[in-house]
Full PDB file with SEQRES, HELIX, SHEET, SSBOND, CRYST1, ORIGX, SCALE, CONECT and MASTER records, all heavy atoms in Angstrom:
SEQRES   1 A   42  PHE ALA CYS SER LYS ASN ALA LEU CYS ALA LEU ASN VAL          
SEQRES   2 A   42  VAL TYR MET THR ASP VAL ILE ASN ALA SER TRP TRP VAL          
SEQRES   3 A   42  MET SER ASN SER THR ARG HIS GLU LEU GLU ARG SER PHE          
SEQRES   4 A   42  ASP CYS CYS                                                  
HELIX    1 AA1 LYS A    5  LEU A    8  1                                   4    
HELIX    2 AA2 VAL A   13  VAL A   26  1                                  14    
HELIX    3 AA3 ASN A   29  PHE A   39  1                                  11    
CRYST1    1.000    1.000    1.000  90.00  90.00  90.00 P 1           1          
ORIGX1      1.000000  0.000000  0.000000        0.00000                         
ORIGX2      0.000000  1.000000  0.000000        0.00000                         
ORIGX3      0.000000  0.000000  1.000000        0.00000                         
SCALE1      1.000000  0.000000  0.000000        0.00000                         
SCALE2      0.000000  1.000000  0.000000        0.00000                         
SCALE3      0.000000  0.000000  1.000000        0.00000                         
ATOM      1  N   PHE A   1       3.693  15.612 -17.901  1.00  0.00           N  
ATOM      2  CA  PHE A   1       4.138  14.578 -18.822  1.00  0.00           C  
ATOM      3  C   PHE A   1       4.937  13.485 -18.151  1.00  0.00           C  
ATOM      4  O   PHE A   1       5.267  12.491 -18.773  1.00  0.00           O  
ATOM      5  CB  PHE A   1       4.942  15.193 -19.969  1.00  0.00           C  
ATOM      6  CG  PHE A   1       6.137  15.984 -19.517  1.00  0.00           C  
ATOM      7  CD1 PHE A   1       7.354  15.380 -19.319  1.00  0.00           C  
ATOM      8  CD2 PHE A   1       6.022  17.343 -19.282  1.00  0.00           C  
ATOM      9  CE1 PHE A   1       8.432  16.102 -18.899  1.00  0.00           C  
ATOM     10  CE2 PHE A   1       7.112  18.064 -18.869  1.00  0.00           C  
ATOM     11  CZ  PHE A   1       8.319  17.457 -18.677  1.00  0.00           C  
ATOM     12  N   ALA A   2       5.285  13.610 -16.906  1.00  0.00           N  
ATOM     13  CA  ALA A   2       6.026  12.546 -16.216  1.00  0.00           C  
ATOM     14  C   ALA A   2       5.839  12.681 -14.710  1.00  0.00           C  
ATOM     15  O   ALA A   2       5.606  13.765 -14.191  1.00  0.00           O  
ATOM     16  CB  ALA A   2       7.505  12.628 -16.555  1.00  0.00           C  
ATOM     17  N   CYS A   3       5.937  11.565 -14.025  1.00  0.00           N  
ATOM     18  CA  CYS A   3       5.865  11.567 -12.562  1.00  0.00           C  
ATOM     19  C   CYS A   3       7.247  11.870 -12.012  1.00  0.00           C  
ATOM     20  O   CYS A   3       8.219  11.232 -12.378  1.00  0.00           O  
ATOM     21  CB  CYS A   3       5.409  10.215 -12.054  1.00  0.00           C  
ATOM     22  SG  CYS A   3       3.746   9.795 -12.517  1.00  0.00           S  
ATOM     23  N   SER A   4       7.338  12.845 -11.180  1.00  0.00           N  
ATOM     24  CA  SER A   4       8.633  13.176 -10.599  1.00  0.00           C  
ATOM     25  C   SER A   4       8.805  12.455  -9.272  1.00  0.00           C  
ATOM     26  O   SER A   4       7.871  11.870  -8.729  1.00  0.00           O  
ATOM     27  CB  SER A   4       8.761  14.679 -10.390  1.00  0.00           C  
ATOM     28  OG  SER A   4       7.886  15.088  -9.378  1.00  0.00           O  
ATOM     29  N   LYS A   5       9.999  12.500  -8.754  1.00  0.00           N  
ATOM     30  CA  LYS A   5      10.293  11.842  -7.489  1.00  0.00           C  
ATOM     31  C   LYS A   5       9.499  12.471  -6.361  1.00  0.00           C  
ATOM     32  O   LYS A   5       9.037  11.783  -5.467  1.00  0.00           O  
ATOM     33  CB  LYS A   5      11.790  11.927  -7.215  1.00  0.00           C  
ATOM     34  CG  LYS A   5      12.223  11.170  -6.001  1.00  0.00           C  
ATOM     35  CD  LYS A   5      13.712  11.175  -5.874  1.00  0.00           C  
ATOM     36  CE  LYS A   5      14.131  10.360  -4.677  1.00  0.00           C  
ATOM     37  NZ  LYS A   5      15.558  10.296  -4.511  1.00  0.00           N  
ATOM     38  N   ASN A   6       9.305  13.783  -6.423  1.00  0.00           N  
ATOM     39  CA  ASN A   6       8.552  14.451  -5.364  1.00  0.00           C  
ATOM     40  C   ASN A   6       7.093  14.025  -5.362  1.00  0.00           C  
ATOM     41  O   ASN A   6       6.485  13.880  -4.306  1.00  0.00           O  
ATOM     42  CB  ASN A   6       8.652  15.965  -5.515  1.00  0.00           C  
ATOM     43  CG  ASN A   6      10.041  16.473  -5.230  1.00  0.00           C  
ATOM     44  OD1 ASN A   6      10.800  15.835  -4.519  1.00  0.00           O  
ATOM     45  ND2 ASN A   6      10.386  17.597  -5.810  1.00  0.00           N  
ATOM     46  N   ALA A   7       6.527  13.821  -6.548  1.00  0.00           N  
ATOM     47  CA  ALA A   7       5.126  13.404  -6.610  1.00  0.00           C  
ATOM     48  C   ALA A   7       4.953  11.996  -6.079  1.00  0.00           C  
ATOM     49  O   ALA A   7       3.976  11.690  -5.393  1.00  0.00           O  
ATOM     50  CB  ALA A   7       4.621  13.495  -8.043  1.00  0.00           C  
ATOM     51  N   LEU A   8       5.907  11.113  -6.372  1.00  0.00           N  
ATOM     52  CA  LEU A   8       5.789   9.744  -5.891  1.00  0.00           C  
ATOM     53  C   LEU A   8       6.103   9.630  -4.408  1.00  0.00           C  
ATOM     54  O   LEU A   8       5.567   8.775  -3.718  1.00  0.00           O  
ATOM     55  CB  LEU A   8       6.712   8.827  -6.696  1.00  0.00           C  
ATOM     56  CG  LEU A   8       6.232   8.570  -8.112  1.00  0.00           C  
ATOM     57  CD1 LEU A   8       7.305   7.837  -8.890  1.00  0.00           C  
ATOM     58  CD2 LEU A   8       4.951   7.777  -8.114  1.00  0.00           C  
ATOM     59  N   CYS A   9       6.958  10.484  -3.897  1.00  0.00           N  
ATOM     60  CA  CYS A   9       7.286  10.441  -2.469  1.00  0.00           C  
ATOM     61  C   CYS A   9       6.284  11.219  -1.635  1.00  0.00           C  
ATOM     62  O   CYS A   9       6.400  11.261  -0.418  1.00  0.00           O  
ATOM     63  CB  CYS A   9       8.696  10.967  -2.236  1.00  0.00           C  
ATOM     64  SG  CYS A   9       9.945   9.862  -2.889  1.00  0.00           S  
ATOM     65  N   ALA A  10       5.305  11.839  -2.271  1.00  0.00           N  
ATOM     66  CA  ALA A  10       4.308  12.609  -1.541  1.00  0.00           C  
ATOM     67  C   ALA A  10       3.296  11.703  -0.840  1.00  0.00           C  
ATOM     68  O   ALA A  10       2.470  12.182  -0.080  1.00  0.00           O  
ATOM     69  CB  ALA A  10       3.592  13.571  -2.477  1.00  0.00           C  
ATOM     70  N   LEU A  11       3.337  10.411  -1.131  1.00  0.00           N  
ATOM     71  CA  LEU A  11       2.464   9.487  -0.418  1.00  0.00           C  
ATOM     72  C   LEU A  11       2.919   9.437   1.036  1.00  0.00           C  
ATOM     73  O   LEU A  11       3.980   8.930   1.338  1.00  0.00           O  
ATOM     74  CB  LEU A  11       2.556   8.098  -1.039  1.00  0.00           C  
ATOM     75  CG  LEU A  11       2.012   7.937  -2.436  1.00  0.00           C  
ATOM     76  CD1 LEU A  11       2.340   6.554  -2.957  1.00  0.00           C  
ATOM     77  CD2 LEU A  11       0.536   8.178  -2.455  1.00  0.00           C  
ATOM     78  N   ASN A  12       2.137   9.977   1.903  1.00  0.00           N  
ATOM     79  CA  ASN A  12       2.575  10.025   3.299  1.00  0.00           C  
ATOM     80  C   ASN A  12       2.297   8.702   3.998  1.00  0.00           C  
ATOM     81  O   ASN A  12       1.644   7.807   3.467  1.00  0.00           O  
ATOM     82  CB  ASN A  12       1.926  11.193   4.023  1.00  0.00           C  
ATOM     83  CG  ASN A  12       0.424  11.128   3.972  1.00  0.00           C  
ATOM     84  OD1 ASN A  12      -0.142  10.182   3.486  1.00  0.00           O  
ATOM     85  ND2 ASN A  12      -0.216  12.153   4.487  1.00  0.00           N  
ATOM     86  N   VAL A  13       2.813   8.584   5.173  1.00  0.00           N  
ATOM     87  CA  VAL A  13       2.737   7.333   5.928  1.00  0.00           C  
ATOM     88  C   VAL A  13       1.295   6.994   6.283  1.00  0.00           C  
ATOM     89  O   VAL A  13       0.911   5.825   6.278  1.00  0.00           O  
ATOM     90  CB  VAL A  13       3.621   7.435   7.186  1.00  0.00           C  
ATOM     91  CG1 VAL A  13       3.491   6.199   8.039  1.00  0.00           C  
ATOM     92  CG2 VAL A  13       5.057   7.671   6.800  1.00  0.00           C  
ATOM     93  N   VAL A  14       0.479   7.998   6.546  1.00  0.00           N  
ATOM     94  CA  VAL A  14      -0.905   7.741   6.927  1.00  0.00           C  
ATOM     95  C   VAL A  14      -1.668   7.113   5.764  1.00  0.00           C  
ATOM     96  O   VAL A  14      -2.411   6.140   5.938  1.00  0.00           O  
ATOM     97  CB  VAL A  14      -1.590   9.054   7.387  1.00  0.00           C  
ATOM     98  CG1 VAL A  14      -3.056   8.832   7.656  1.00  0.00           C  
ATOM     99  CG2 VAL A  14      -0.892   9.608   8.604  1.00  0.00           C  
ATOM    100  N   TYR A  15      -1.450   7.635   4.557  1.00  0.00           N  
ATOM    101  CA  TYR A  15      -2.128   7.088   3.383  1.00  0.00           C  
ATOM    102  C   TYR A  15      -1.663   5.656   3.114  1.00  0.00           C  
ATOM    103  O   TYR A  15      -2.469   4.775   2.847  1.00  0.00           O  
ATOM    104  CB  TYR A  15      -1.873   7.985   2.172  1.00  0.00           C  
ATOM    105  CG  TYR A  15      -2.494   7.461   0.905  1.00  0.00           C  
ATOM    106  CD1 TYR A  15      -3.872   7.507   0.719  1.00  0.00           C  
ATOM    107  CD2 TYR A  15      -1.712   6.915  -0.097  1.00  0.00           C  
ATOM    108  CE1 TYR A  15      -4.454   7.024  -0.429  1.00  0.00           C  
ATOM    109  CE2 TYR A  15      -2.279   6.427  -1.244  1.00  0.00           C  
ATOM    110  CZ  TYR A  15      -3.647   6.484  -1.410  1.00  0.00           C  
ATOM    111  OH  TYR A  15      -4.213   5.996  -2.549  1.00  0.00           O  
ATOM    112  N   MET A  16      -0.348   5.420   3.180  1.00  0.00           N  
ATOM    113  CA  MET A  16       0.162   4.074   2.939  1.00  0.00           C  
ATOM    114  C   MET A  16      -0.311   3.108   4.022  1.00  0.00           C  
ATOM    115  O   MET A  16      -0.591   1.949   3.740  1.00  0.00           O  
ATOM    116  CB  MET A  16       1.683   4.088   2.850  1.00  0.00           C  
ATOM    117  CG  MET A  16       2.190   4.679   1.557  1.00  0.00           C  
ATOM    118  SD  MET A  16       3.917   4.355   1.234  1.00  0.00           S  
ATOM    119  CE  MET A  16       4.732   5.347   2.457  1.00  0.00           C  
ATOM    120  N   THR A  17      -0.410   3.582   5.264  1.00  0.00           N  
ATOM    121  CA  THR A  17      -0.918   2.745   6.347  1.00  0.00           C  
ATOM    122  C   THR A  17      -2.366   2.353   6.089  1.00  0.00           C  
ATOM    123  O   THR A  17      -2.743   1.199   6.293  1.00  0.00           O  
ATOM    124  CB  THR A  17      -0.800   3.484   7.690  1.00  0.00           C  
ATOM    125  OG1 THR A  17       0.559   3.858   7.884  1.00  0.00           O  
ATOM    126  CG2 THR A  17      -1.248   2.618   8.838  1.00  0.00           C  
ATOM    127  N   ASP A  18      -3.175   3.298   5.623  1.00  0.00           N  
ATOM    128  CA  ASP A  18      -4.572   2.994   5.308  1.00  0.00           C  
ATOM    129  C   ASP A  18      -4.694   1.975   4.182  1.00  0.00           C  
ATOM    130  O   ASP A  18      -5.519   1.065   4.240  1.00  0.00           O  
ATOM    131  CB  ASP A  18      -5.327   4.268   4.943  1.00  0.00           C  
ATOM    132  CG  ASP A  18      -5.533   5.189   6.129  1.00  0.00           C  
ATOM    133  OD1 ASP A  18      -5.381   4.720   7.280  1.00  0.00           O  
ATOM    134  OD2 ASP A  18      -5.831   6.372   5.906  1.00  0.00           O  
ATOM    135  N   VAL A  19      -3.863   2.127   3.153  1.00  0.00           N  
ATOM    136  CA  VAL A  19      -3.912   1.199   2.019  1.00  0.00           C  
ATOM    137  C   VAL A  19      -3.476  -0.198   2.457  1.00  0.00           C  
ATOM    138  O   VAL A  19      -4.114  -1.200   2.116  1.00  0.00           O  
ATOM    139  CB  VAL A  19      -3.040   1.725   0.862  1.00  0.00           C  
ATOM    140  CG1 VAL A  19      -2.852   0.671  -0.208  1.00  0.00           C  
ATOM    141  CG2 VAL A  19      -3.643   2.981   0.264  1.00  0.00           C  
ATOM    142  N   ILE A  20      -2.406  -0.284   3.224  1.00  0.00           N  
ATOM    143  CA  ILE A  20      -1.913  -1.586   3.690  1.00  0.00           C  
ATOM    144  C   ILE A  20      -2.930  -2.232   4.626  1.00  0.00           C  
ATOM    145  O   ILE A  20      -3.202  -3.435   4.530  1.00  0.00           O  
ATOM    146  CB  ILE A  20      -0.545  -1.429   4.372  1.00  0.00           C  
ATOM    147  CG1 ILE A  20       0.522  -1.073   3.333  1.00  0.00           C  
ATOM    148  CG2 ILE A  20      -0.149  -2.682   5.122  1.00  0.00           C  
ATOM    149  CD1 ILE A  20       1.857  -0.686   3.927  1.00  0.00           C  
ATOM    150  N   ASN A  21      -3.522  -1.451   5.505  1.00  0.00           N  
ATOM    151  CA  ASN A  21      -4.504  -1.984   6.450  1.00  0.00           C  
ATOM    152  C   ASN A  21      -5.748  -2.489   5.721  1.00  0.00           C  
ATOM    153  O   ASN A  21      -6.274  -3.556   6.039  1.00  0.00           O  
ATOM    154  CB  ASN A  21      -4.876  -0.908   7.472  1.00  0.00           C  
ATOM    155  CG  ASN A  21      -5.504  -1.492   8.711  1.00  0.00           C  
ATOM    156  OD1 ASN A  21      -5.541  -2.698   8.897  1.00  0.00           O  
ATOM    157  ND2 ASN A  21      -6.016  -0.621   9.563  1.00  0.00           N  
ATOM    158  N   ALA A  22      -6.213  -1.737   4.716  1.00  0.00           N  
ATOM    159  CA  ALA A  22      -7.394  -2.162   3.972  1.00  0.00           C  
ATOM    160  C   ALA A  22      -7.116  -3.427   3.161  1.00  0.00           C  
ATOM    161  O   ALA A  22      -7.962  -4.333   3.106  1.00  0.00           O  
ATOM    162  CB  ALA A  22      -7.853  -1.033   3.044  1.00  0.00           C  
ATOM    163  N   SER A  23      -5.936  -3.513   2.563  1.00  0.00           N  
ATOM    164  CA  SER A  23      -5.625  -4.698   1.766  1.00  0.00           C  
ATOM    165  C   SER A  23      -5.364  -5.918   2.647  1.00  0.00           C  
ATOM    166  O   SER A  23      -5.603  -7.048   2.232  1.00  0.00           O  
ATOM    167  CB  SER A  23      -4.429  -4.432   0.859  1.00  0.00           C  
ATOM    168  OG  SER A  23      -3.288  -4.127   1.622  1.00  0.00           O  
ATOM    169  N   TRP A  24      -4.885  -5.719   3.866  1.00  0.00           N  
ATOM    170  CA  TRP A  24      -4.626  -6.833   4.786  1.00  0.00           C  
ATOM    171  C   TRP A  24      -5.922  -7.565   5.130  1.00  0.00           C  
ATOM    172  O   TRP A  24      -5.966  -8.782   5.203  1.00  0.00           O  
ATOM    173  CB  TRP A  24      -3.944  -6.311   6.046  1.00  0.00           C  
ATOM    174  CG  TRP A  24      -3.590  -7.355   7.041  1.00  0.00           C  
ATOM    175  CD1 TRP A  24      -4.304  -7.710   8.142  1.00  0.00           C  
ATOM    176  CD2 TRP A  24      -2.422  -8.190   7.047  1.00  0.00           C  
ATOM    177  NE1 TRP A  24      -3.653  -8.695   8.843  1.00  0.00           N  
ATOM    178  CE2 TRP A  24      -2.485  -9.007   8.181  1.00  0.00           C  
ATOM    179  CE3 TRP A  24      -1.321  -8.309   6.206  1.00  0.00           C  
ATOM    180  CZ2 TRP A  24      -1.509  -9.933   8.502  1.00  0.00           C  
ATOM    181  CZ3 TRP A  24      -0.345  -9.229   6.524  1.00  0.00           C  
ATOM    182  CH2 TRP A  24      -0.441 -10.029   7.651  1.00  0.00           C  
ATOM    183  N   TRP A  25      -6.998  -6.803   5.322  1.00  0.00           N  
ATOM    184  CA  TRP A  25      -8.257  -7.431   5.709  1.00  0.00           C  
ATOM    185  C   TRP A  25      -9.004  -8.024   4.529  1.00  0.00           C  
ATOM    186  O   TRP A  25      -9.930  -8.819   4.716  1.00  0.00           O  
ATOM    187  CB  TRP A  25      -9.135  -6.433   6.463  1.00  0.00           C  
ATOM    188  CG  TRP A  25      -8.523  -6.079   7.769  1.00  0.00           C  
ATOM    189  CD1 TRP A  25      -7.998  -4.867   8.120  1.00  0.00           C  
ATOM    190  CD2 TRP A  25      -8.312  -6.941   8.882  1.00  0.00           C  
ATOM    191  NE1 TRP A  25      -7.481  -4.931   9.382  1.00  0.00           N  
ATOM    192  CE2 TRP A  25      -7.657  -6.205   9.880  1.00  0.00           C  
ATOM    193  CE3 TRP A  25      -8.600  -8.271   9.134  1.00  0.00           C  
ATOM    194  CZ2 TRP A  25      -7.297  -6.748  11.107  1.00  0.00           C  
ATOM    195  CZ3 TRP A  25      -8.235  -8.806  10.359  1.00  0.00           C  
ATOM    196  CH2 TRP A  25      -7.607  -8.049  11.323  1.00  0.00           C  
ATOM    197  N   VAL A  26      -8.623  -7.691   3.319  1.00  0.00           N  
ATOM    198  CA  VAL A  26      -9.241  -8.283   2.136  1.00  0.00           C  
ATOM    199  C   VAL A  26      -8.584  -9.624   1.792  1.00  0.00           C  
ATOM    200  O   VAL A  26      -9.213 -10.497   1.199  1.00  0.00           O  
ATOM    201  CB  VAL A  26      -9.139  -7.297   0.943  1.00  0.00           C  
ATOM    202  CG1 VAL A  26      -9.635  -7.914  -0.339  1.00  0.00           C  
ATOM    203  CG2 VAL A  26      -9.911  -6.033   1.247  1.00  0.00           C  
ATOM    204  N   MET A  27      -7.328  -9.801   2.190  1.00  0.00           N  
ATOM    205  CA  MET A  27      -6.581 -11.028   1.880  1.00  0.00           C  
ATOM    206  C   MET A  27      -7.172 -12.244   2.584  1.00  0.00           C  
ATOM    207  O   MET A  27      -7.782 -12.133   3.638  1.00  0.00           O  
ATOM    208  CB  MET A  27      -5.131 -10.902   2.365  1.00  0.00           C  
ATOM    209  CG  MET A  27      -4.290  -9.949   1.646  1.00  0.00           C  
ATOM    210  SD  MET A  27      -2.651 -10.002   2.386  1.00  0.00           S  
ATOM    211  CE  MET A  27      -2.124  -8.361   2.068  1.00  0.00           C  
ATOM    212  N   SER A  28      -6.927 -13.391   1.969  1.00  0.00           N  
ATOM    213  CA  SER A  28      -7.305 -14.642   2.633  1.00  0.00           C  
ATOM    214  C   SER A  28      -6.263 -14.984   3.696  1.00  0.00           C  
ATOM    215  O   SER A  28      -5.170 -14.419   3.719  1.00  0.00           O  
ATOM    216  CB  SER A  28      -7.400 -15.769   1.605  1.00  0.00           C  
ATOM    217  OG  SER A  28      -6.128 -16.014   1.055  1.00  0.00           O  
ATOM    218  N   ASN A  29      -6.602 -15.911   4.566  1.00  0.00           N  
ATOM    219  CA  ASN A  29      -5.682 -16.301   5.630  1.00  0.00           C  
ATOM    220  C   ASN A  29      -4.421 -16.948   5.082  1.00  0.00           C  
ATOM    221  O   ASN A  29      -3.333 -16.766   5.623  1.00  0.00           O  
ATOM    222  CB  ASN A  29      -6.364 -17.246   6.626  1.00  0.00           C  
ATOM    223  CG  ASN A  29      -7.282 -16.506   7.571  1.00  0.00           C  
ATOM    224  OD1 ASN A  29      -7.095 -15.319   7.811  1.00  0.00           O  
ATOM    225  ND2 ASN A  29      -8.272 -17.211   8.087  1.00  0.00           N  
ATOM    226  N   SER A  30      -4.547 -17.698   3.993  1.00  0.00           N  
ATOM    227  CA  SER A  30      -3.362 -18.336   3.417  1.00  0.00           C  
ATOM    228  C   SER A  30      -2.396 -17.289   2.853  1.00  0.00           C  
ATOM    229  O   SER A  30      -1.175 -17.451   2.968  1.00  0.00           O  
ATOM    230  CB  SER A  30      -3.772 -19.321   2.319  1.00  0.00           C  
ATOM    231  OG  SER A  30      -4.425 -18.649   1.269  1.00  0.00           O  
ATOM    232  N   THR A  31      -2.931 -16.223   2.276  1.00  0.00           N  
ATOM    233  CA  THR A  31      -2.063 -15.147   1.775  1.00  0.00           C  
ATOM    234  C   THR A  31      -1.378 -14.430   2.927  1.00  0.00           C  
ATOM    235  O   THR A  31      -0.192 -14.106   2.841  1.00  0.00           O  
ATOM    236  CB  THR A  31      -2.887 -14.143   0.954  1.00  0.00           C  
ATOM    237  OG1 THR A  31      -3.617 -14.847  -0.049  1.00  0.00           O  
ATOM    238  CG2 THR A  31      -1.996 -13.119   0.289  1.00  0.00           C  
ATOM    239  N   ARG A  32      -2.094 -14.206   4.010  1.00  0.00           N  
ATOM    240  CA  ARG A  32      -1.489 -13.576   5.195  1.00  0.00           C  
ATOM    241  C   ARG A  32      -0.359 -14.429   5.756  1.00  0.00           C  
ATOM    242  O   ARG A  32       0.714 -13.920   6.086  1.00  0.00           O  
ATOM    243  CB  ARG A  32      -2.532 -13.360   6.281  1.00  0.00           C  
ATOM    244  CG  ARG A  32      -3.506 -12.268   5.994  1.00  0.00           C  
ATOM    245  CD  ARG A  32      -4.462 -12.121   7.152  1.00  0.00           C  
ATOM    246  NE  ARG A  32      -5.601 -11.323   6.770  1.00  0.00           N  
ATOM    247  CZ  ARG A  32      -6.742 -11.301   7.420  1.00  0.00           C  
ATOM    248  NH1 ARG A  32      -6.901 -12.050   8.487  1.00  0.00           N  
ATOM    249  NH2 ARG A  32      -7.727 -10.548   7.017  1.00  0.00           N  
ATOM    250  N   HIS A  33      -0.605 -15.727   5.856  1.00  0.00           N  
ATOM    251  CA  HIS A  33       0.424 -16.632   6.386  1.00  0.00           C  
ATOM    252  C   HIS A  33       1.648 -16.660   5.477  1.00  0.00           C  
ATOM    253  O   HIS A  33       2.782 -16.710   5.954  1.00  0.00           O  
ATOM    254  CB  HIS A  33      -0.131 -18.033   6.575  1.00  0.00           C  
ATOM    255  CG  HIS A  33      -1.163 -18.132   7.654  1.00  0.00           C  
ATOM    256  ND1 HIS A  33      -0.958 -17.636   8.925  1.00  0.00           N  
ATOM    257  CD2 HIS A  33      -2.411 -18.654   7.649  1.00  0.00           C  
ATOM    258  CE1 HIS A  33      -2.035 -17.864   9.652  1.00  0.00           C  
ATOM    259  NE2 HIS A  33      -2.937 -18.474   8.908  1.00  0.00           N  
ATOM    260  N   GLU A  34       1.414 -16.626   4.167  1.00  0.00           N  
ATOM    261  CA  GLU A  34       2.539 -16.624   3.223  1.00  0.00           C  
ATOM    262  C   GLU A  34       3.354 -15.334   3.342  1.00  0.00           C  
ATOM    263  O   GLU A  34       4.585 -15.353   3.302  1.00  0.00           O  
ATOM    264  CB  GLU A  34       2.016 -16.789   1.797  1.00  0.00           C  
ATOM    265  CG  GLU A  34       3.094 -16.885   0.752  1.00  0.00           C  
ATOM    266  CD  GLU A  34       3.977 -18.116   0.920  1.00  0.00           C  
ATOM    267  OE1 GLU A  34       3.468 -19.157   1.387  1.00  0.00           O  
ATOM    268  OE2 GLU A  34       5.169 -18.019   0.604  1.00  0.00           O  
ATOM    269  N   LEU A  35       2.677 -14.199   3.494  1.00  0.00           N  
ATOM    270  CA  LEU A  35       3.388 -12.930   3.687  1.00  0.00           C  
ATOM    271  C   LEU A  35       4.156 -12.920   5.000  1.00  0.00           C  
ATOM    272  O   LEU A  35       5.288 -12.428   5.069  1.00  0.00           O  
ATOM    273  CB  LEU A  35       2.411 -11.759   3.645  1.00  0.00           C  
ATOM    274  CG  LEU A  35       1.939 -11.336   2.262  1.00  0.00           C  
ATOM    275  CD1 LEU A  35       0.843 -10.288   2.374  1.00  0.00           C  
ATOM    276  CD2 LEU A  35       3.094 -10.799   1.452  1.00  0.00           C  
ATOM    277  N   GLU A  36       3.553 -13.445   6.052  1.00  0.00           N  
ATOM    278  CA  GLU A  36       4.244 -13.501   7.342  1.00  0.00           C  
ATOM    279  C   GLU A  36       5.485 -14.392   7.269  1.00  0.00           C  
ATOM    280  O   GLU A  36       6.516 -14.089   7.854  1.00  0.00           O  
ATOM    281  CB  GLU A  36       3.292 -14.019   8.419  1.00  0.00           C  
ATOM    282  CG  GLU A  36       2.251 -13.016   8.831  1.00  0.00           C  
ATOM    283  CD  GLU A  36       1.255 -13.585   9.813  1.00  0.00           C  
ATOM    284  OE1 GLU A  36       1.142 -14.824   9.939  1.00  0.00           O  
ATOM    285  OE2 GLU A  36       0.564 -12.770  10.465  1.00  0.00           O  
ATOM    286  N   ARG A  37       5.375 -15.473   6.526  1.00  0.00           N  
ATOM    287  CA  ARG A  37       6.520 -16.363   6.373  1.00  0.00           C  
ATOM    288  C   ARG A  37       7.625 -15.719   5.539  1.00  0.00           C  
ATOM    289  O   ARG A  37       8.795 -15.785   5.876  1.00  0.00           O  
ATOM    290  CB  ARG A  37       6.061 -17.664   5.718  1.00  0.00           C  
ATOM    291  CG  ARG A  37       6.683 -18.878   6.299  1.00  0.00           C  
ATOM    292  CD  ARG A  37       6.220 -20.137   5.601  1.00  0.00           C  
ATOM    293  NE  ARG A  37       5.089 -19.931   4.720  1.00  0.00           N  
ATOM    294  CZ  ARG A  37       3.928 -20.551   4.812  1.00  0.00           C  
ATOM    295  NH1 ARG A  37       3.744 -21.448   5.716  1.00  0.00           N  
ATOM    296  NH2 ARG A  37       2.942 -20.313   3.974  1.00  0.00           N  
ATOM    297  N   SER A  38       7.252 -15.063   4.430  1.00  0.00           N  
ATOM    298  CA  SER A  38       8.276 -14.495   3.540  1.00  0.00           C  
ATOM    299  C   SER A  38       8.920 -13.230   4.115  1.00  0.00           C  
ATOM    300  O   SER A  38      10.102 -12.989   3.898  1.00  0.00           O  
ATOM    301  CB  SER A  38       7.692 -14.207   2.158  1.00  0.00           C  
ATOM    302  OG  SER A  38       6.684 -13.241   2.248  1.00  0.00           O  
ATOM    303  N   PHE A  39       8.153 -12.411   4.856  1.00  0.00           N  
ATOM    304  CA  PHE A  39       8.708 -11.195   5.447  1.00  0.00           C  
ATOM    305  C   PHE A  39       9.222 -11.416   6.872  1.00  0.00           C  
ATOM    306  O   PHE A  39       9.791 -10.503   7.458  1.00  0.00           O  
ATOM    307  CB  PHE A  39       7.673 -10.067   5.455  1.00  0.00           C  
ATOM    308  CG  PHE A  39       7.550  -9.349   4.148  1.00  0.00           C  
ATOM    309  CD1 PHE A  39       6.600  -9.728   3.214  1.00  0.00           C  
ATOM    310  CD2 PHE A  39       8.387  -8.297   3.847  1.00  0.00           C  
ATOM    311  CE1 PHE A  39       6.488  -9.066   2.017  1.00  0.00           C  
ATOM    312  CE2 PHE A  39       8.275  -7.629   2.646  1.00  0.00           C  
ATOM    313  CZ  PHE A  39       7.325  -8.016   1.724  1.00  0.00           C  
ATOM    314  N   ASP A  40       8.996 -12.579   7.439  1.00  0.00           N  
ATOM    315  CA  ASP A  40       9.433 -12.935   8.789  1.00  0.00           C  
ATOM    316  C   ASP A  40       8.883 -11.949   9.827  1.00  0.00           C  
ATOM    317  O   ASP A  40       9.615 -11.286  10.558  1.00  0.00           O  
ATOM    318  CB  ASP A  40      10.961 -13.017   8.864  1.00  0.00           C  
ATOM    319  CG  ASP A  40      11.443 -13.752  10.098  1.00  0.00           C  
ATOM    320  OD1 ASP A  40      10.653 -14.544  10.645  1.00  0.00           O  
ATOM    321  OD2 ASP A  40      12.584 -13.529  10.516  1.00  0.00           O  
ATOM    322  N   CYS A  41       7.547 -11.855   9.861  1.00  0.00           N  
ATOM    323  CA  CYS A  41       6.879 -10.925  10.780  1.00  0.00           C  
ATOM    324  C   CYS A  41       5.543 -11.521  11.200  1.00  0.00           C  
ATOM    325  O   CYS A  41       5.080 -12.491  10.617  1.00  0.00           O  
ATOM    326  CB  CYS A  41       6.675  -9.577  10.098  1.00  0.00           C  
ATOM    327  SG  CYS A  41       5.718  -9.671   8.576  1.00  0.00           S  
ATOM    328  N   CYS A  42       4.921 -10.920  12.200  1.00  0.00           N  
ATOM    329  CA  CYS A  42       3.609 -11.375  12.675  1.00  0.00           C  
ATOM    330  C   CYS A  42       2.672 -10.195  12.851  1.00  0.00           C  
ATOM    331  O   CYS A  42       3.069  -9.163  13.372  1.00  0.00           O  
ATOM    332  CB  CYS A  42       3.741 -12.106  14.006  1.00  0.00           C  
ATOM    333  SG  CYS A  42       4.380 -13.772  13.852  1.00  0.00           S  
TER     334      CYS A  42                                                      
MASTER        0    0    0    3    0    0    0    6  333    1    0    4          
END                                                                             
């Protein structure tokens, strides 16, 4: 009946890395540049 903290923290780093990597390549270049500017990273 509810999501607990343990269930939400069960997302391991490998799964989150895969999701972030897959979404990075779907984004347009302008979205990537905007994220790099706002997060101050390359």
